Amino acid sequence: MSFKDIINKDRGVFINPGEFAEEHTWNDISIVCIEEEMDFDRVSKSLGSEDGHYRDIKTIFIGIELIEKPVIHEEVYYDDEKYSILFVSEEDGIYEIKIERNESW
């Protein structure tokens, strides 16, 4: 078994709802992915959000077989909320995608 075969086998454990992943929606498609949310306090302080606005930024890890590769600045709906793509990379069959939307309170 090659190293890539081992990584692909482990990917099934990594992106597994019984382990780290959760169910979400991506443009009305049900997907299983890992979501990492940016710390709100760090984001709001770095943006000087005294005006009541902040950026909701998430990093999504998802298998490449589940969605087409997104394009930077493309608008997508993640869990029925509109986001913009900030960053996309692909490694070992997994997309790492950073998405953002502006919020206010």
Protein backbone atom coordinates (compact mmCIF):
# COMPACT_ATOMS: atom_id res chain seq x y z
CA MET A 1 0.00 0.00 0.00
CA SER A 2 1.42 3.41 -1.00
CA PHE A 3 1.53 6.48 1.21
CA LYS A 4 -1.25 8.09 -0.87
CA ASP A 5 -3.41 5.00 -0.36
CA ILE A 6 -2.93 5.32 3.40
CA ILE A 7 -3.86 9.03 3.30
CA ASN A 8 -6.97 8.32 1.22
CA LYS A 9 -8.00 5.59 3.67
CA ASP A 10 -7.51 7.96 6.63
CA ARG A 11 -9.51 10.68 4.86
CA GLY A 12 -12.60 8.54 5.38
CA VAL A 13 -11.96 8.64 9.12
CA PHE A 14 -11.14 12.35 9.19
CA ILE A 15 -14.26 13.44 7.27
CA ASN A 16 -16.66 11.15 9.07
CA PRO A 17 -19.75 12.31 11.02
CA GLY A 18 -18.90 9.77 13.71
CA GLU A 19 -15.50 11.40 14.23
CA PHE A 20 -14.87 15.05 13.33
CA ALA A 21 -17.31 15.97 10.54
CA GLU A 22 -20.88 17.25 10.63
CA GLU A 23 -23.71 17.54 8.14
CA HIS A 24 -24.20 20.94 6.50
CA THR A 25 -25.62 22.31 3.27
CA TRP A 26 -23.61 23.79 0.40
CA ASN A 27 -25.72 25.49 -2.28
CA ASP A 28 -28.71 23.36 -1.24
CA ILE A 29 -26.70 20.11 -1.37
CA SER A 30 -26.38 18.05 1.80
CA ILE A 31 -22.68 17.51 2.58
CA VAL A 32 -20.49 16.12 5.33
CA CYS A 33 -17.56 18.38 6.19
CA ILE A 34 -15.44 19.75 8.99
CA GLU A 35 -16.12 23.36 9.93
CA GLU A 36 -13.67 25.53 11.82
CA GLU A 37 -15.03 28.87 12.92
CA MET A 38 -12.71 31.81 13.48
CA ASP A 39 -12.64 33.19 17.02
CA PHE A 40 -15.20 36.05 17.11
CA ASP A 41 -13.30 38.16 19.67
CA ARG A 42 -10.08 38.02 17.65
CA VAL A 43 -11.88 38.92 14.42
CA SER A 44 -13.93 41.75 15.90
CA LYS A 45 -10.90 43.32 17.61
CA SER A 46 -8.72 43.03 14.52
CA LEU A 47 -11.39 44.80 12.46
CA GLY A 48 -12.12 47.47 15.04
CA SER A 49 -15.80 46.61 14.91
CA GLU A 50 -17.09 49.22 17.36
CA ASP A 51 -19.60 50.18 14.66
CA GLY A 52 -21.50 46.93 15.20
CA HIS A 53 -20.18 45.04 12.17
CA TYR A 54 -17.94 42.01 12.01
CA ARG A 55 -16.86 39.32 9.57
CA ASP A 56 -18.13 35.78 10.02
CA ILE A 57 -15.23 33.64 8.73
CA LYS A 58 -15.23 29.85 8.56
CA THR A 59 -12.82 27.26 7.21
CA ILE A 60 -14.45 24.23 5.63
CA PHE A 61 -12.70 20.90 4.94
CA ILE A 62 -14.61 18.80 2.42
CA GLY A 63 -13.91 15.86 0.10
CA ILE A 64 -13.34 16.95 -3.50
CA GLU A 65 -15.90 14.44 -4.75
CA LEU A 66 -18.77 16.26 -2.99
CA ILE A 67 -18.65 19.68 -4.71
CA GLU A 68 -17.12 21.40 -7.71
CA LYS A 69 -13.98 23.36 -6.86
CA PRO A 70 -15.09 26.83 -5.76
CA VAL A 71 -13.58 30.01 -7.18
CA ILE A 72 -12.31 32.92 -5.07
CA HIS A 73 -14.97 35.67 -4.70
CA GLU A 74 -17.71 33.24 -5.80
CA GLU A 75 -20.87 33.53 -3.73
CA VAL A 76 -22.16 30.32 -2.15
CA TYR A 77 -24.87 29.36 0.30
CA TYR A 78 -23.55 27.49 3.32
CA ASP A 79 -26.26 26.38 5.76
CA ASP A 80 -28.69 28.74 3.98
CA GLU A 81 -26.47 31.80 4.58
CA LYS A 82 -24.76 33.68 1.75
CA TYR A 83 -20.94 33.67 1.92
CA SER A 84 -18.09 34.71 -0.35
CA ILE A 85 -15.11 32.43 -1.08
CA LEU A 86 -11.85 33.86 0.32
CA PHE A 87 -9.43 30.98 -0.26
CA VAL A 88 -9.39 27.49 -1.79
CA SER A 89 -6.70 24.82 -1.73
CA GLU A 90 -6.74 21.12 -2.55
CA GLU A 91 -4.55 18.49 -0.95
CA ASP A 92 -4.90 14.72 -0.72
CA GLY A 93 -8.49 14.75 -1.97
CA ILE A 94 -9.70 17.43 0.44
CA TYR A 95 -10.60 21.05 -0.25
CA GLU A 96 -9.74 23.64 2.38
CA ILE A 97 -12.13 26.53 1.78
CA LYS A 98 -12.31 29.83 3.69
CA ILE A 99 -15.65 31.61 3.46
CA GLU A 100 -16.83 34.92 4.89
CA ARG A 101 -19.89 37.07 5.28
CA ASN A 102 -20.44 40.42 6.91
CA GLU A 103 -22.62 40.48 10.01
CA SER A 104 -23.97 43.16 12.29
CA TRP A 105 -25.49 43.13 15.74
